Every structure is written in C-alpha cells, then in structure tokens.
N, C-alpha and C. Protein backbone atom coordinates (compact mmCIF):
# COMPACT_ATOMS: atom_id res chain seq x y z
N PHE A 1 98.67 128.31 -12.08
CA PHE A 1 98.20 128.81 -13.90
C PHE A 1 97.95 127.36 -14.42
N ARG A 2 99.06 126.17 -14.38
CA ARG A 2 99.12 124.95 -14.92
C ARG A 2 97.22 124.45 -14.48
N GLU A 3 97.20 124.45 -13.53
CA GLU A 3 95.60 123.99 -12.60
C GLU A 3 94.88 124.73 -13.27
N ALA A 4 94.45 126.03 -13.21
CA ALA A 4 93.65 126.82 -13.94
C ALA A 4 93.48 126.43 -15.07
N LEU A 5 94.34 126.22 -16.22
CA LEU A 5 94.44 125.99 -17.67
C LEU A 5 93.66 124.56 -17.67
N ALA A 6 94.44 123.77 -17.10
CA ALA A 6 94.05 122.33 -17.15
C ALA A 6 92.58 122.45 -17.06
N GLU A 7 92.20 122.61 -15.73
CA GLU A 7 90.43 122.64 -15.72
C GLU A 7 89.79 123.05 -16.81
N LYS A 8 90.45 124.43 -17.41
CA LYS A 8 89.53 124.90 -18.58
C LYS A 8 89.38 124.46 -19.63
N ILE A 9 90.25 123.73 -20.13
CA ILE A 9 90.40 122.70 -21.19
C ILE A 9 89.76 121.40 -21.30
N ASP A 10 89.61 121.31 -19.75
CA ASP A 10 88.78 120.24 -19.59
C ASP A 10 86.84 120.63 -19.13
N LEU A 11 86.65 121.94 -18.80
CA LEU A 11 85.61 122.20 -18.64
C LEU A 11 84.97 122.34 -20.52
N ALA A 12 86.02 123.12 -21.37
CA ALA A 12 85.70 122.89 -22.61
C ALA A 12 85.68 121.72 -23.60
N ALA A 13 86.51 120.39 -22.82
CA ALA A 13 85.98 119.33 -23.66
C ALA A 13 84.82 118.82 -23.37
N GLY A 14 83.98 119.26 -21.76
CA GLY A 14 83.16 118.96 -21.41
C GLY A 14 81.85 119.37 -22.17
N ALA A 15 81.67 120.61 -22.48
CA ALA A 15 80.95 121.51 -23.13
C ALA A 15 80.91 120.83 -24.70
N TYR A 16 81.99 120.34 -25.15
CA TYR A 16 82.26 119.92 -26.29
C TYR A 16 81.45 118.69 -26.52
N ARG A 17 81.09 117.70 -25.58
CA ARG A 17 80.46 116.62 -25.54
C ARG A 17 79.53 116.95 -25.41
N GLU A 18 78.76 117.66 -24.73
CA GLU A 18 77.17 118.24 -24.64
C GLU A 18 77.19 118.58 -25.98
N LEU A 19 77.78 119.19 -26.66
CA LEU A 19 77.29 119.91 -27.81
C LEU A 19 77.52 118.75 -28.72
N ALA A 20 78.09 117.81 -28.68
CA ALA A 20 78.26 116.49 -29.75
C ALA A 20 77.06 115.71 -29.50
N LEU A 21 76.44 115.67 -28.51
CA LEU A 21 75.48 115.32 -28.23
C LEU A 21 74.16 115.77 -28.97
N ARG A 22 73.97 117.30 -29.39
CA ARG A 22 72.98 117.81 -29.82
C ARG A 22 73.11 117.55 -31.56
N SER A 23 74.21 117.33 -31.91
CA SER A 23 74.74 117.28 -32.96
C SER A 23 74.61 115.87 -34.13
N GLY A 24 75.41 115.69 -34.75
CA GLY A 24 75.37 114.73 -36.04
C GLY A 24 74.39 114.74 -36.89
N PRO A 25 74.05 113.50 -37.43
CA PRO A 25 73.08 113.72 -38.80
C PRO A 25 71.99 114.28 -38.34
N ALA A 26 71.15 113.93 -37.32
CA ALA A 26 69.69 114.32 -36.99
C ALA A 26 69.58 115.65 -35.80
N GLY A 27 71.36 115.89 -35.57
CA GLY A 27 70.74 116.69 -34.35
C GLY A 27 70.66 118.06 -35.15
N ALA A 28 70.38 119.02 -34.39
CA ALA A 28 70.31 120.56 -34.52
C ALA A 28 71.37 121.21 -34.67
N LEU A 29 72.25 120.73 -34.34
CA LEU A 29 73.64 121.83 -33.90
C LEU A 29 74.90 121.18 -35.09
N GLU A 30 75.51 121.59 -35.36
CA GLU A 30 76.60 121.72 -36.31
C GLU A 30 77.97 122.23 -35.61
N ILE A 31 78.92 121.40 -34.81
CA ILE A 31 80.18 121.76 -34.29
C ILE A 31 80.81 122.13 -35.76
N ILE A 32 81.65 123.27 -35.44
CA ILE A 32 82.25 123.44 -36.78
C ILE A 32 83.37 122.84 -36.83
N ALA A 33 84.45 122.95 -35.43
CA ALA A 33 85.40 122.45 -35.36
C ALA A 33 85.49 121.71 -33.49
N ALA A 34 85.95 120.98 -33.55
CA ALA A 34 86.51 120.54 -32.45
C ALA A 34 87.51 121.48 -31.45
N PRO A 35 87.33 121.51 -30.25
CA PRO A 35 88.00 122.51 -29.66
C PRO A 35 89.48 122.82 -29.50
N GLN A 36 89.73 124.03 -30.26
CA GLN A 36 91.70 124.06 -29.72
C GLN A 36 91.80 125.01 -28.48
N LEU A 37 92.12 124.48 -27.70
CA LEU A 37 92.37 124.84 -26.23
C LEU A 37 90.72 124.84 -25.48
N THR A 38 89.96 126.09 -25.75
CA THR A 38 88.96 126.13 -25.09
C THR A 38 87.77 127.24 -25.42
N THR A 39 88.23 126.93 -27.28
CA THR A 39 86.97 127.36 -27.87
C THR A 39 86.37 126.62 -28.88
N ILE A 40 84.98 126.40 -28.54
CA ILE A 40 84.13 125.67 -29.36
C ILE A 40 82.97 126.85 -30.34
N ALA A 41 83.44 126.49 -31.39
CA ALA A 41 82.27 127.14 -32.40
C ALA A 41 81.01 125.75 -33.07
N PHE A 42 80.02 126.20 -33.00
CA PHE A 42 78.91 125.84 -33.45
C PHE A 42 77.77 126.65 -33.81
N ARG A 43 76.72 126.01 -34.69
CA ARG A 43 75.76 126.73 -35.36
C ARG A 43 74.41 125.99 -35.38
N LEU A 44 73.33 126.26 -35.66
CA LEU A 44 72.04 125.22 -35.88
C LEU A 44 72.49 125.01 -37.30
N ARG A 45 72.07 123.62 -37.59
CA ARG A 45 72.37 123.45 -38.71
C ARG A 45 71.42 123.62 -39.93
N ARG A 46 71.84 124.11 -41.16
CA ARG A 46 70.98 124.60 -42.04
C ARG A 46 69.95 123.30 -42.51
N ARG A 47 68.67 124.11 -42.80
CA ARG A 47 67.76 122.97 -42.93
C ARG A 47 67.72 122.82 -44.56
N ASP A 48 67.41 121.66 -45.09
CA ASP A 48 67.31 121.47 -46.70
C ASP A 48 66.65 122.57 -47.48
N GLY A 49 67.25 123.30 -48.21
CA GLY A 49 66.57 124.53 -48.79
C GLY A 49 66.49 125.97 -48.18
N GLU A 50 67.11 126.09 -47.12
CA GLU A 50 66.56 126.99 -46.23
C GLU A 50 67.39 128.02 -46.94
N PRO A 51 67.38 129.42 -46.95
CA PRO A 51 67.82 130.24 -47.27
C PRO A 51 68.63 131.00 -46.20
N LEU A 52 69.55 131.39 -46.47
CA LEU A 52 70.78 132.02 -45.63
C LEU A 52 70.30 133.09 -44.39
N ALA A 53 68.82 133.78 -45.03
CA ALA A 53 69.05 134.57 -43.92
C ALA A 53 68.10 134.19 -43.00
N GLU A 54 67.37 133.28 -43.16
CA GLU A 54 66.60 132.27 -42.08
C GLU A 54 67.59 131.47 -41.55
N LEU A 55 68.38 131.38 -41.98
CA LEU A 55 69.78 130.45 -41.13
C LEU A 55 70.25 131.57 -39.95
N GLU A 56 70.81 132.77 -40.32
CA GLU A 56 71.09 133.68 -39.85
C GLU A 56 70.15 133.85 -38.72
N ALA A 57 68.94 134.06 -38.91
CA ALA A 57 68.19 134.92 -38.12
C ALA A 57 68.09 133.75 -37.01
N ARG A 58 67.69 131.98 -37.53
CA ARG A 58 67.43 131.34 -36.30
C ARG A 58 68.79 131.42 -35.58
N ASN A 59 69.75 131.61 -35.87
CA ASN A 59 71.15 131.42 -35.04
C ASN A 59 71.23 132.69 -34.19
N ARG A 60 70.68 133.83 -35.00
CA ARG A 60 70.84 135.15 -33.69
C ARG A 60 69.56 134.79 -32.97
N ARG A 61 68.48 134.09 -33.01
CA ARG A 61 67.73 133.64 -32.12
C ARG A 61 67.97 133.05 -30.90
N LEU A 62 68.92 132.00 -31.53
CA LEU A 62 69.44 130.81 -30.23
C LEU A 62 70.67 131.42 -29.47
N LEU A 63 71.41 132.53 -30.08
CA LEU A 63 72.43 133.14 -29.24
C LEU A 63 71.60 134.08 -28.04
N ASP A 64 70.85 134.58 -28.64
CA ASP A 64 69.58 135.86 -28.07
C ASP A 64 68.96 134.75 -27.05
N GLY A 65 68.44 134.04 -27.00
CA GLY A 65 68.07 132.93 -26.07
C GLY A 65 69.01 132.56 -25.05
N VAL A 66 70.20 131.79 -25.34
CA VAL A 66 70.98 131.82 -24.41
C VAL A 66 71.65 133.01 -23.45
N ASN A 67 71.85 133.76 -24.14
CA ASN A 67 72.38 135.15 -23.55
C ASN A 67 71.20 136.13 -22.84
N GLY A 68 69.85 135.79 -23.17
CA GLY A 68 69.04 136.13 -22.68
C GLY A 68 68.70 136.04 -21.33
N ARG A 69 69.00 134.50 -20.96
CA ARG A 69 68.55 133.94 -19.46
C ARG A 69 69.86 134.38 -18.53
N ARG A 70 71.02 135.30 -19.15
CA ARG A 70 71.61 136.27 -18.28
C ARG A 70 72.73 135.42 -17.02
N ARG A 71 72.87 133.69 -17.61
CA ARG A 71 73.74 133.07 -16.63
C ARG A 71 75.23 132.88 -17.48
N VAL A 72 74.91 132.65 -18.83
CA VAL A 72 76.42 132.39 -19.41
C VAL A 72 75.81 133.50 -20.69
N HIS A 73 77.44 133.55 -21.09
CA HIS A 73 77.11 134.55 -22.40
C HIS A 73 78.24 133.86 -23.41
N LEU A 74 77.58 133.40 -24.61
CA LEU A 74 78.45 133.17 -25.77
C LEU A 74 78.44 134.26 -26.80
N SER A 75 79.47 133.85 -27.71
CA SER A 75 80.17 135.38 -28.50
C SER A 75 79.37 134.63 -30.20
N SER A 76 79.58 135.61 -30.49
CA SER A 76 79.38 135.30 -32.19
C SER A 76 80.66 135.19 -32.94
N THR A 77 80.78 134.72 -34.35
CA THR A 77 81.51 135.10 -35.33
C THR A 77 81.06 134.63 -36.56
N ILE A 78 81.44 135.19 -37.77
CA ILE A 78 81.04 134.70 -39.43
C ILE A 78 82.29 133.57 -39.46
N LEU A 79 81.31 132.29 -39.73
CA LEU A 79 82.72 131.58 -40.46
C LEU A 79 82.14 130.76 -41.53
N PRO A 80 82.39 130.00 -42.29
CA PRO A 80 82.07 129.47 -43.84
C PRO A 80 80.73 128.00 -43.48
N LEU A 81 80.27 128.31 -44.55
CA LEU A 81 79.45 127.10 -44.90
C LEU A 81 79.72 126.23 -45.44
N PRO A 82 79.53 125.00 -45.49
CA PRO A 82 80.15 123.95 -46.64
C PRO A 82 79.76 124.66 -48.29
N SER A 83 78.67 125.36 -48.15
CA SER A 83 78.50 125.78 -49.45
C SER A 83 79.24 127.00 -49.85
N GLY A 84 80.55 127.62 -49.09
CA GLY A 84 81.04 128.53 -49.46
C GLY A 84 80.43 130.08 -48.82
N GLU A 85 79.10 129.80 -48.73
CA GLU A 85 78.47 130.92 -47.92
C GLU A 85 78.91 131.59 -46.30
N GLU A 86 79.03 132.25 -46.12
CA GLU A 86 79.60 132.67 -44.49
C GLU A 86 78.30 132.85 -43.68
N ALA A 87 78.13 132.22 -42.49
CA ALA A 87 77.23 132.30 -41.76
C ALA A 87 77.60 132.30 -39.93
N THR A 88 76.77 133.35 -39.33
CA THR A 88 76.45 133.41 -37.97
C THR A 88 77.36 132.02 -37.74
N ALA A 89 78.25 132.10 -36.26
CA ALA A 89 78.68 130.71 -35.58
C ALA A 89 78.77 131.11 -34.10
N LEU A 90 78.20 131.07 -33.32
CA LEU A 90 78.14 130.93 -31.78
C LEU A 90 79.41 130.28 -31.17
N ARG A 91 80.18 130.81 -30.13
CA ARG A 91 81.09 130.58 -29.95
C ARG A 91 81.19 129.95 -28.09
N VAL A 92 81.93 129.04 -27.43
CA VAL A 92 81.90 128.73 -26.29
C VAL A 92 82.97 128.93 -26.12
N CYS A 93 83.70 130.24 -25.04
CA CYS A 93 84.69 129.88 -24.99
C CYS A 93 85.29 130.15 -23.28
N VAL A 94 85.96 129.13 -22.99
CA VAL A 94 86.07 129.13 -21.48
C VAL A 94 87.53 129.68 -21.08
N VAL A 95 87.09 130.62 -20.44
CA VAL A 95 88.86 131.39 -20.18
C VAL A 95 88.78 131.85 -18.53
N SER A 96 87.41 132.46 -18.25
CA SER A 96 87.53 133.12 -16.78
C SER A 96 87.45 132.10 -15.76
N PHE A 97 88.18 132.98 -14.62
CA PHE A 97 88.59 132.38 -13.69
C PHE A 97 87.53 131.86 -12.91
N ARG A 98 86.05 132.63 -13.11
CA ARG A 98 84.74 132.47 -12.39
C ARG A 98 84.39 131.14 -13.30
N THR A 99 84.60 130.54 -14.08
CA THR A 99 83.92 129.58 -14.87
C THR A 99 84.23 127.93 -14.18
N HIS A 100 83.38 127.66 -14.18
CA HIS A 100 83.56 126.19 -13.61
C HIS A 100 82.44 125.49 -13.61
N VAL A 101 82.66 124.13 -13.73
CA VAL A 101 81.15 123.13 -13.94
C VAL A 101 80.00 123.38 -14.24
N ALA A 102 79.81 124.31 -12.59
CA ALA A 102 78.32 124.67 -12.54
C ALA A 102 77.92 125.74 -13.98
N GLN A 103 79.11 126.59 -14.49
CA GLN A 103 78.73 127.15 -15.40
C GLN A 103 78.53 126.87 -16.90
N VAL A 104 79.07 125.51 -16.93
CA VAL A 104 79.05 124.70 -18.44
C VAL A 104 77.38 124.07 -18.21
N GLU A 105 77.23 123.52 -17.15
CA GLU A 105 75.93 122.82 -16.80
C GLU A 105 75.07 123.92 -17.19
N ALA A 106 75.33 125.20 -16.66
CA ALA A 106 74.23 126.50 -16.82
C ALA A 106 74.04 126.58 -18.27
N LEU A 107 74.92 126.49 -19.04
CA LEU A 107 75.31 126.91 -20.29
C LEU A 107 74.42 125.89 -21.52
N VAL A 108 74.61 124.54 -20.90
CA VAL A 108 73.66 123.29 -21.67
C VAL A 108 72.12 123.14 -21.24
N GLU A 109 72.04 123.77 -20.11
CA GLU A 109 70.44 124.01 -19.39
C GLU A 109 70.06 125.13 -20.42
N ASP A 110 70.48 126.57 -20.42
CA ASP A 110 70.07 127.42 -21.01
C ASP A 110 70.38 127.32 -22.77
N LEU A 111 71.20 126.39 -23.02
CA LEU A 111 71.03 126.26 -24.93
C LEU A 111 69.68 125.33 -24.81
N ASP A 112 69.64 124.01 -24.38
CA ASP A 112 68.87 123.24 -24.68
C ASP A 112 67.14 124.21 -24.32
N ALA A 113 66.98 124.89 -23.49
CA ALA A 113 65.75 125.94 -23.24
C ALA A 113 66.03 126.81 -24.83
N ALA A 114 66.70 127.16 -24.82
CA ALA A 114 67.09 128.19 -26.39
C ALA A 114 66.24 127.55 -27.74
N LEU A 115 66.95 126.07 -27.61
CA LEU A 115 66.79 125.26 -29.07
C LEU A 115 65.22 124.48 -28.82
N ALA A 116 64.66 124.82 -27.31
CA ALA A 116 62.95 124.37 -27.25
C ALA A 116 62.00 125.18 -27.63
N ASP A 117 63.02 126.90 -27.55
CA ASP A 117 61.78 127.92 -27.97
C ASP A 117 61.77 127.80 -29.21
C-alpha cells in the first residue's frame, strides 16, 4: 500500500509540474492549488474583461476535449475566482491502481491537444 501511495503521489507531482509549465503569467492555465496528496485543481486563465459565462464555456470545452479522447478522465468542481465569483475547475486525481506514468503522459498529450483546439 505504501509503495502504491508513493507512486500516486509522485505521479500527481509530475502532473502538477506539467500543468505548471502551462500556467504562469502568460500561460493558458491557472493552477488553483498545489496538490494535496493526489488531487490538482486547475482551469483556464480568465481573459481580461471576459464574462463569467464565456470562461465557464471555455472550461467546459476543455474538459470535454480532454475526456472526449477517452484515454483519461478529468472531473470538475466549482471553486472561487479571485474576484469572489465561482467558476468551474478541472481536477486531476491520481488514485486508481491502473494509473501509471503512461496515463499521466496521455493526460498531458490530451490536454495539449484540447488547448490547441
């Protein structure tokens, strides 16, 4: 059990590093919080003056774009924005005994493809 948990924590850290490469001041993504154990929440960065409805639609398209490739499955939740509004956040949660490096690599590939769409 300890080995499996350590592997999942390492996989989540690797996914976090990949997401961080796509965030930052000029990045497309906003990481909401560093992983606590194996869950990472992120979303598309809100554009200046962008209505909340458009941000929500873009995040939904991103979620559908990743999940539609049917190799990995992201979940979603609602989390606060810095403005105090609430918006959809996508979640990576590495807990399955079937999740290994190949699945994290597939997540990154599918995320990049969905971001490009």
